[in-house]
């Protein structure tokens, strides 16, 4: 997991961060008893979901219609470039 995280994080930070949580859960499960590890896993997943929800909410609230239109144009251009290869 560490190797995969290091390889991916240079090109796509978001995907790299998604690999950090499973890696931390695996390391924790190896270091603690199963009862404590189970509680920690559920807490970690809950905190990750809460963080994603808050982050998305803030991004939607603070972005403008112009920002969203610009991102849609950039995305469409990238799709066209990938299709033209």
PDB file of N, CA and C in Angstrom:
ATOM      1  N   UNK A   1       0.825  -1.193   0.000  1.00  0.00           N
ATOM      2  CA  UNK A   1       0.000   0.000   0.000  1.00  0.00           C
ATOM      3  C   UNK A   1       0.868   1.255   0.000  1.00  0.00           C
ATOM      4  N   UNK A   2       1.956   1.229   0.762  1.00  0.00           N
ATOM      5  CA  UNK A   2       2.833   2.400   0.818  1.00  0.00           C
ATOM      6  C   UNK A   2       3.442   2.685  -0.551  1.00  0.00           C
ATOM      7  N   UNK A   3       3.889   1.656  -1.225  1.00  0.00           N
ATOM      8  CA  UNK A   3       4.485   1.825  -2.549  1.00  0.00           C
ATOM      9  C   UNK A   3       3.461   2.382  -3.535  1.00  0.00           C
ATOM     10  N   UNK A   4       2.273   1.839  -3.522  1.00  0.00           N
ATOM     11  CA  UNK A   4       1.218   2.313  -4.420  1.00  0.00           C
ATOM     12  C   UNK A   4       0.879   3.771  -4.126  1.00  0.00           C
ATOM     13  N   UNK A   5       0.777   4.115  -2.844  1.00  0.00           N
ATOM     14  CA  UNK A   5       0.482   5.490  -2.458  1.00  0.00           C
ATOM     15  C   UNK A   5       1.557   6.436  -2.978  1.00  0.00           C
ATOM     16  N   UNK A   6       2.812   6.073  -2.790  1.00  0.00           N
ATOM     17  CA  UNK A   6       3.914   6.931  -3.232  1.00  0.00           C
ATOM     18  C   UNK A   6       3.933   7.086  -4.752  1.00  0.00           C
ATOM     19  N   UNK A   7       3.589   6.052  -5.480  1.00  0.00           N
ATOM     20  CA  UNK A   7       3.579   6.136  -6.936  1.00  0.00           C
ATOM     21  C   UNK A   7       2.440   7.008  -7.455  1.00  0.00           C
ATOM     22  N   UNK A   8       1.294   6.917  -6.811  1.00  0.00           N
ATOM     23  CA  UNK A   8       0.102   7.613  -7.300  1.00  0.00           C
ATOM     24  C   UNK A   8       0.057   9.067  -6.852  1.00  0.00           C
ATOM     25  N   UNK A   9       0.552   9.367  -5.665  1.00  0.00           N
ATOM     26  CA  UNK A   9       0.351  10.696  -5.083  1.00  0.00           C
ATOM     27  C   UNK A   9       1.026  11.803  -5.882  1.00  0.00           C
ATOM     28  N   UNK A  10       2.066  11.469  -6.638  1.00  0.00           N
ATOM     29  CA  UNK A  10       2.734  12.483  -7.453  1.00  0.00           C
ATOM     30  C   UNK A  10       1.898  12.947  -8.627  1.00  0.00           C
ATOM     31  N   UNK A  11       1.055  12.083  -9.143  1.00  0.00           N
ATOM     32  CA  UNK A  11       0.246  12.445 -10.307  1.00  0.00           C
ATOM     33  C   UNK A  11      -1.182  12.824  -9.936  1.00  0.00           C
ATOM     34  N   UNK A  12      -1.730  12.199  -8.891  1.00  0.00           N
ATOM     35  CA  UNK A  12      -3.099  12.501  -8.492  1.00  0.00           C
ATOM     36  C   UNK A  12      -3.177  12.457  -6.967  1.00  0.00           C
ATOM     37  N   UNK A  13      -3.091  13.627  -6.354  1.00  0.00           N
ATOM     38  CA  UNK A  13      -3.039  13.725  -4.898  1.00  0.00           C
ATOM     39  C   UNK A  13      -4.305  13.166  -4.235  1.00  0.00           C
ATOM     40  N   UNK A  14      -5.452  13.402  -4.844  1.00  0.00           N
ATOM     41  CA  UNK A  14      -6.715  12.923  -4.272  1.00  0.00           C
ATOM     42  C   UNK A  14      -6.770  11.412  -4.178  1.00  0.00           C
ATOM     43  N   UNK A  15      -6.365  10.736  -5.247  1.00  0.00           N
ATOM     44  CA  UNK A  15      -6.364   9.268  -5.236  1.00  0.00           C
ATOM     45  C   UNK A  15      -5.333   8.768  -4.235  1.00  0.00           C
ATOM     46  N   UNK A  16      -4.196   9.437  -4.174  1.00  0.00           N
ATOM     47  CA  UNK A  16      -3.169   9.056  -3.200  1.00  0.00           C
ATOM     48  C   UNK A  16      -3.681   9.143  -1.777  1.00  0.00           C
ATOM     49  N   UNK A  17      -4.453  10.188  -1.485  1.00  0.00           N
ATOM     50  CA  UNK A  17      -5.009  10.330  -0.147  1.00  0.00           C
ATOM     51  C   UNK A  17      -6.044   9.246   0.158  1.00  0.00           C
ATOM     52  N   UNK A  18      -6.751   8.780  -0.866  1.00  0.00           N
ATOM     53  CA  UNK A  18      -7.713   7.693  -0.641  1.00  0.00           C
ATOM     54  C   UNK A  18      -6.998   6.390  -0.298  1.00  0.00           C
ATOM     55  N   UNK A  19      -5.747   6.261  -0.695  1.00  0.00           N
ATOM     56  CA  UNK A  19      -4.991   5.054  -0.364  1.00  0.00           C
ATOM     57  C   UNK A  19      -4.399   5.108   1.041  1.00  0.00           C
ATOM     58  N   UNK A  20      -4.318   6.302   1.629  1.00  0.00           N
ATOM     59  CA  UNK A  20      -3.714   6.442   2.952  1.00  0.00           C
ATOM     60  C   UNK A  20      -4.591   5.789   4.021  1.00  0.00           C
ATOM     61  N   UNK A  21      -5.910   5.948   3.935  1.00  0.00           N
ATOM     62  CA  UNK A  21      -6.795   5.391   4.960  1.00  0.00           C
ATOM     63  C   UNK A  21      -6.708   3.868   5.033  1.00  0.00           C
ATOM     64  N   UNK A  22      -6.833   3.128   3.921  1.00  0.00           N
ATOM     65  CA  UNK A  22      -6.689   1.673   4.044  1.00  0.00           C
ATOM     66  C   UNK A  22      -5.311   1.256   4.573  1.00  0.00           C
ATOM     67  N   UNK A  23      -4.274   2.011   4.188  1.00  0.00           N
ATOM     68  CA  UNK A  23      -2.940   1.684   4.671  1.00  0.00           C
ATOM     69  C   UNK A  23      -2.873   1.866   6.188  1.00  0.00           C
ATOM     70  N   UNK A  24      -3.430   2.958   6.705  1.00  0.00           N
ATOM     71  CA  UNK A  24      -3.436   3.187   8.148  1.00  0.00           C
ATOM     72  C   UNK A  24      -4.248   2.119   8.876  1.00  0.00           C
ATOM     73  N   UNK A  25      -5.370   1.717   8.282  1.00  0.00           N
ATOM     74  CA  UNK A  25      -6.192   0.672   8.902  1.00  0.00           C
ATOM     75  C   UNK A  25      -5.454  -0.662   8.935  1.00  0.00           C
ATOM     76  N   UNK A  26      -4.752  -0.989   7.868  1.00  0.00           N
ATOM     77  CA  UNK A  26      -3.979  -2.233   7.853  1.00  0.00           C
ATOM     78  C   UNK A  26      -2.868  -2.215   8.890  1.00  0.00           C
ATOM     79  N   UNK A  27      -2.164  -1.095   8.987  1.00  0.00           N
ATOM     80  CA  UNK A  27      -1.085  -0.987   9.964  1.00  0.00           C
ATOM     81  C   UNK A  27      -1.626  -1.085  11.388  1.00  0.00           C
ATOM     82  N   UNK A  28      -2.760  -0.458  11.639  1.00  0.00           N
ATOM     83  CA  UNK A  28      -3.364  -0.488  12.965  1.00  0.00           C
ATOM     84  C   UNK A  28      -3.847  -1.887  13.318  1.00  0.00           C
ATOM     85  N   UNK A  29      -4.445  -2.575  12.368  1.00  0.00           N
ATOM     86  CA  UNK A  29      -4.956  -3.914  12.650  1.00  0.00           C
ATOM     87  C   UNK A  29      -3.821  -4.887  12.967  1.00  0.00           C
ATOM     88  N   UNK A  30      -2.650  -4.643  12.430  1.00  0.00           N
ATOM     89  CA  UNK A  30      -1.507  -5.488  12.741  1.00  0.00           C
ATOM     90  C   UNK A  30      -0.919  -5.183  14.113  1.00  0.00           C
ATOM     91  N   UNK A  31      -1.133  -3.964  14.619  1.00  0.00           N
ATOM     92  CA  UNK A  31      -0.481  -3.531  15.850  1.00  0.00           C
ATOM     93  C   UNK A  31      -1.339  -3.695  17.107  1.00  0.00           C
ATOM     94  N   UNK A  32      -2.662  -3.782  16.974  1.00  0.00           N
ATOM     95  CA  UNK A  32      -3.522  -3.822  18.157  1.00  0.00           C
ATOM     96  C   UNK A  32      -4.376  -5.085  18.145  1.00  0.00           C
ATOM     97  N   UNK A  33      -5.008  -5.334  19.304  1.00  0.00           N
ATOM     98  CA  UNK A  33      -5.892  -6.489  19.394  1.00  0.00           C
ATOM     99  C   UNK A  33      -7.096  -6.298  18.484  1.00  0.00           C
ATOM    100  N   UNK A  34      -7.782  -7.374  18.177  1.00  0.00           N
ATOM    101  CA  UNK A  34      -8.900  -7.290  17.223  1.00  0.00           C
ATOM    102  C   UNK A  34     -10.051  -6.450  17.750  1.00  0.00           C
ATOM    103  N   UNK A  35     -10.335  -6.470  19.059  1.00  0.00           N
ATOM    104  CA  UNK A  35     -11.448  -5.682  19.598  1.00  0.00           C
ATOM    105  C   UNK A  35     -11.162  -4.193  19.473  1.00  0.00           C
ATOM    106  N   UNK A  36      -9.969  -3.778  19.840  1.00  0.00           N
ATOM    107  CA  UNK A  36      -9.618  -2.351  19.737  1.00  0.00           C
ATOM    108  C   UNK A  36      -9.513  -1.944  18.270  1.00  0.00           C
ATOM    109  N   UNK A  37      -9.015  -2.849  17.432  1.00  0.00           N
ATOM    110  CA  UNK A  37      -8.874  -2.545  16.011  1.00  0.00           C
ATOM    111  C   UNK A  37     -10.207  -2.365  15.325  1.00  0.00           C
ATOM    112  N   UNK A  38     -11.187  -3.161  15.705  1.00  0.00           N
ATOM    113  CA  UNK A  38     -12.522  -3.048  15.101  1.00  0.00           C
ATOM    114  C   UNK A  38     -13.146  -1.698  15.426  1.00  0.00           C
ATOM    115  N   UNK A  39     -13.014  -1.262  16.668  1.00  0.00           N
ATOM    116  CA  UNK A  39     -13.563   0.039  17.059  1.00  0.00           C
ATOM    117  C   UNK A  39     -12.854   1.159  16.306  1.00  0.00           C
ATOM    118  N   UNK A  40     -11.535   1.026  16.145  1.00  0.00           N
ATOM    119  CA  UNK A  40     -10.779   2.067  15.465  1.00  0.00           C
ATOM    120  C   UNK A  40     -11.136   2.128  13.983  1.00  0.00           C
ATOM    121  N   UNK A  41     -11.374   0.973  13.374  1.00  0.00           N
ATOM    122  CA  UNK A  41     -11.733   0.943  11.957  1.00  0.00           C
ATOM    123  C   UNK A  41     -13.040   1.679  11.735  1.00  0.00           C
ATOM    124  N   UNK A  42     -14.037   1.392  12.549  1.00  0.00           N
ATOM    125  CA  UNK A  42     -15.335   2.052  12.360  1.00  0.00           C
ATOM    126  C   UNK A  42     -15.223   3.549  12.604  1.00  0.00           C
ATOM    127  N   UNK A  43     -14.434   3.964  13.597  1.00  0.00           N
ATOM    128  CA  UNK A  43     -14.236   5.388  13.841  1.00  0.00           C
ATOM    129  C   UNK A  43     -13.513   6.048  12.671  1.00  0.00           C
ATOM    130  N   UNK A  44     -12.508   5.386  12.135  1.00  0.00           N
ATOM    131  CA  UNK A  44     -11.733   5.952  11.022  1.00  0.00           C
ATOM    132  C   UNK A  44     -12.617   6.113   9.779  1.00  0.00           C
ATOM    133  N   UNK A  45     -13.426   5.113   9.497  1.00  0.00           N
ATOM    134  CA  UNK A  45     -14.319   5.194   8.340  1.00  0.00           C
ATOM    135  C   UNK A  45     -15.342   6.308   8.546  1.00  0.00           C
ATOM    136  N   UNK A  46     -15.904   6.405   9.740  1.00  0.00           N
ATOM    137  CA  UNK A  46     -16.873   7.465  10.036  1.00  0.00           C
ATOM    138  C   UNK A  46     -16.231   8.841   9.873  1.00  0.00           C
ATOM    139  N   UNK A  47     -15.026   9.007  10.397  1.00  0.00           N
ATOM    140  CA  UNK A  47     -14.342  10.299  10.283  1.00  0.00           C
ATOM    141  C   UNK A  47     -13.999  10.621   8.825  1.00  0.00           C
ATOM    142  N   UNK A  48     -13.630   9.620   8.052  1.00  0.00           N
ATOM    143  CA  UNK A  48     -13.329   9.847   6.635  1.00  0.00           C
ATOM    144  C   UNK A  48     -14.584  10.284   5.882  1.00  0.00           C
ATOM    145  N   UNK A  49     -15.698   9.620   6.136  1.00  0.00           N
ATOM    146  CA  UNK A  49     -16.957   9.996   5.480  1.00  0.00           C
ATOM    147  C   UNK A  49     -17.412  11.389   5.905  1.00  0.00           C
ATOM    148  N   UNK A  50     -17.245  11.703   7.180  1.00  0.00           N
ATOM    149  CA  UNK A  50     -17.602  13.038   7.667  1.00  0.00           C
ATOM    150  C   UNK A  50     -16.722  14.096   6.992  1.00  0.00           C
ATOM    151  N   UNK A  51     -15.429  13.833   6.871  1.00  0.00           N
ATOM    152  CA  UNK A  51     -14.518  14.771   6.215  1.00  0.00           C
ATOM    153  C   UNK A  51     -14.861  14.983   4.747  1.00  0.00           C
ATOM    154  N   UNK A  52     -15.203  13.903   4.057  1.00  0.00           N
ATOM    155  CA  UNK A  52     -15.592  14.018   2.647  1.00  0.00           C
ATOM    156  C   UNK A  52     -16.859  14.849   2.516  1.00  0.00           C
ATOM    157  N   UNK A  53     -17.829  14.609   3.372  1.00  0.00           N
ATOM    158  CA  UNK A  53     -19.098  15.340   3.320  1.00  0.00           C
ATOM    159  C   UNK A  53     -18.883  16.829   3.589  1.00  0.00           C
ATOM    160  N   UNK A  54     -18.104  17.150   4.611  1.00  0.00           N
ATOM    161  CA  UNK A  54     -17.839  18.553   4.940  1.00  0.00           C
ATOM    162  C   UNK A  54     -17.057  19.219   3.805  1.00  0.00           C
ATOM    163  N   UNK A  55     -16.048  18.535   3.276  1.00  0.00           N
ATOM    164  CA  UNK A  55     -15.251  19.093   2.185  1.00  0.00           C
ATOM    165  C   UNK A  55     -16.072  19.367   0.937  1.00  0.00           C
ATOM    166  N   UNK A  56     -16.906  18.421   0.560  1.00  0.00           N
ATOM    167  CA  UNK A  56     -17.766  18.631  -0.610  1.00  0.00           C
ATOM    168  C   UNK A  56     -18.761  19.762  -0.376  1.00  0.00           C
ATOM    169  N   UNK A  57     -19.316  19.819   0.822  1.00  0.00           N
ATOM    170  CA  UNK A  57     -20.265  20.885   1.149  1.00  0.00           C
ATOM    171  C   UNK A  57     -19.619  22.255   1.057  1.00  0.00           C
ATOM    172  N   UNK A  58     -18.421  22.389   1.596  1.00  0.00           N
ATOM    173  CA  UNK A  58     -17.709  23.668   1.542  1.00  0.00           C
ATOM    174  C   UNK A  58     -17.363  24.019   0.099  1.00  0.00           C
ATOM    175  N   UNK A  59     -16.934  23.034  -0.682  1.00  0.00           N
ATOM    176  CA  UNK A  59     -16.594  23.290  -2.087  1.00  0.00           C
ATOM    177  C   UNK A  59     -17.812  23.781  -2.861  1.00  0.00           C
ATOM    178  N   UNK A  60     -18.958  23.199  -2.614  1.00  0.00           N
ATOM    179  CA  UNK A  60     -20.179  23.615  -3.319  1.00  0.00           C
ATOM    180  C   UNK A  60     -20.604  25.004  -2.873  1.00  0.00           C
ATOM    181  N   UNK A  61     -20.539  25.271  -1.577  1.00  0.00           N
ATOM    182  CA  UNK A  61     -20.979  26.565  -1.060  1.00  0.00           C
ATOM    183  C   UNK A  61     -20.064  27.698  -1.535  1.00  0.00           C
ATOM    184  N   UNK A  62     -18.760  27.449  -1.565  1.00  0.00           N
ATOM    185  CA  UNK A  62     -17.811  28.507  -1.900  1.00  0.00           C
ATOM    186  C   UNK A  62     -17.530  28.652  -3.396  1.00  0.00           C
ATOM    187  N   UNK A  63     -17.999  27.717  -4.207  1.00  0.00           N
ATOM    188  CA  UNK A  63     -17.764  27.844  -5.651  1.00  0.00           C
ATOM    189  C   UNK A  63     -18.899  28.636  -6.291  1.00  0.00           C
ATOM    190  N   UNK A  64     -18.540  29.349  -7.353  1.00  0.00           N
ATOM    191  CA  UNK A  64     -19.547  30.134  -8.059  1.00  0.00           C
ATOM    192  C   UNK A  64     -19.984  29.390  -9.321  1.00  0.00           C
ATOM    193  N   UNK A  65     -21.010  29.881  -9.950  1.00  0.00           N
ATOM    194  CA  UNK A  65     -21.488  29.294 -11.203  1.00  0.00           C
ATOM    195  C   UNK A  65     -20.386  29.383 -12.261  1.00  0.00           C
ATOM    196  N   UNK A  66     -19.651  30.506 -12.279  1.00  0.00           N
ATOM    197  CA  UNK A  66     -18.555  30.667 -13.240  1.00  0.00           C
ATOM    198  C   UNK A  66     -17.466  29.624 -13.023  1.00  0.00           C
ATOM    199  N   UNK A  67     -17.143  29.349 -11.744  1.00  0.00           N
ATOM    200  CA  UNK A  67     -16.134  28.327 -11.440  1.00  0.00           C
ATOM    201  C   UNK A  67     -16.571  26.964 -11.977  1.00  0.00           C
ATOM    202  N   UNK A  68     -17.814  26.632 -11.764  1.00  0.00           N
ATOM    203  CA  UNK A  68     -18.329  25.335 -12.207  1.00  0.00           C
ATOM    204  C   UNK A  68     -18.356  25.237 -13.726  1.00  0.00           C
ATOM    205  N   UNK A  69     -18.728  26.337 -14.396  1.00  0.00           N
ATOM    206  CA  UNK A  69     -18.749  26.348 -15.863  1.00  0.00           C
ATOM    207  C   UNK A  69     -17.330  26.196 -16.413  1.00  0.00           C
ATOM    208  N   UNK A  70     -16.381  26.870 -15.783  1.00  0.00           N
ATOM    209  CA  UNK A  70     -14.983  26.763 -16.217  1.00  0.00           C
ATOM    210  C   UNK A  70     -14.481  25.321 -16.067  1.00  0.00           C
ATOM    211  N   UNK A  71     -14.764  24.702 -14.927  1.00  0.00           N
ATOM    212  CA  UNK A  71     -14.339  23.317 -14.714  1.00  0.00           C
ATOM    213  C   UNK A  71     -14.993  22.378 -15.713  1.00  0.00           C
ATOM    214  N   UNK A  72     -16.248  22.627 -16.056  1.00  0.00           N
ATOM    215  CA  UNK A  72     -16.938  21.790 -17.044  1.00  0.00           C
ATOM    216  C   UNK A  72     -16.272  21.927 -18.416  1.00  0.00           C
ATOM    217  N   UNK A  73     -15.886  23.170 -18.795  1.00  0.00           N
ATOM    218  CA  UNK A  73     -15.203  23.373 -20.086  1.00  0.00           C
ATOM    219  C   UNK A  73     -13.855  22.671 -20.104  1.00  0.00           C
ATOM    220  N   UNK A  74     -13.093  22.803 -19.022  1.00  0.00           N
ATOM    221  CA  UNK A  74     -11.777  22.148 -18.950  1.00  0.00           C
ATOM    222  C   UNK A  74     -11.936  20.638 -19.047  1.00  0.00           C
ATOM    223  N   UNK A  75     -12.920  20.111 -18.357  1.00  0.00           N
ATOM    224  CA  UNK A  75     -13.166  18.664 -18.390  1.00  0.00           C
ATOM    225  C   UNK A  75     -13.540  18.206 -19.805  1.00  0.00           C
ATOM    226  N   UNK A  76     -14.396  18.971 -20.464  1.00  0.00           N
ATOM    227  CA  UNK A  76     -14.806  18.626 -21.832  1.00  0.00           C
ATOM    228  C   UNK A  76     -13.608  18.667 -22.779  1.00  0.00           C
ATOM    229  N   UNK A  77     -12.746  19.667 -22.616  1.00  0.00           N
ATOM    230  CA  UNK A  77     -11.543  19.765 -23.458  1.00  0.00           C
ATOM    231  C   UNK A  77     -10.625  18.569 -23.252  1.00  0.00           C
ATOM    232  N   UNK A  78     -10.453  18.159 -22.015  1.00  0.00           N
ATOM    233  CA  UNK A  78      -9.604  16.989 -21.732  1.00  0.00           C
ATOM    234  C   UNK A  78     -10.179  15.725 -22.337  1.00  0.00           C
ATOM    235  N   UNK A  79     -11.488  15.575 -22.260  1.00  0.00           N
ATOM    236  CA  UNK A  79     -12.121  14.408 -22.858  1.00  0.00           C
ATOM    237  C   UNK A  79     -11.932  14.396 -24.376  1.00  0.00           C
ATOM    238  N   UNK A  80     -12.030  15.565 -24.997  1.00  0.00           N
ATOM    239  CA  UNK A  80     -11.820  15.666 -26.445  1.00  0.00           C
ATOM    240  C   UNK A  80     -10.379  15.306 -26.805  1.00  0.00           C
ATOM    241  N   UNK A  81      -9.423  15.776 -26.009  1.00  0.00           N
ATOM    242  CA  UNK A  81      -8.014  15.474 -26.264  1.00  0.00           C
ATOM    243  C   UNK A  81      -7.736  13.988 -26.111  1.00  0.00           C
ATOM    244  N   UNK A  82      -8.332  13.355 -25.146  1.00  0.00           N
ATOM    245  CA  UNK A  82      -8.122  11.930 -24.929  1.00  0.00           C
ATOM    246  C   UNK A  82      -8.767  11.125 -26.045  1.00  0.00           C
ATOM    247  N   UNK A  83      -9.893  11.574 -26.541  1.00  0.00           N
ATOM    248  CA  UNK A  83     -10.588  10.871 -27.616  1.00  0.00           C
ATOM    249  C   UNK A  83      -9.885  11.016 -28.951  1.00  0.00           C
ATOM    250  N   UNK A  84      -9.107  12.089 -29.123  1.00  0.00           N
ATOM    251  CA  UNK A  84      -8.442  12.349 -30.396  1.00  0.00           C
ATOM    252  C   UNK A  84      -7.100  11.643 -30.552  1.00  0.00           C
ATOM    253  N   UNK A  85      -6.669  10.927 -29.556  1.00  0.00           N
ATOM    254  CA  UNK A  85      -5.353  10.261 -29.608  1.00  0.00           C
ATOM    255  C   UNK A  85      -5.329   9.131 -30.545  1.00  0.00           C
TER     256      UNK A  85
END
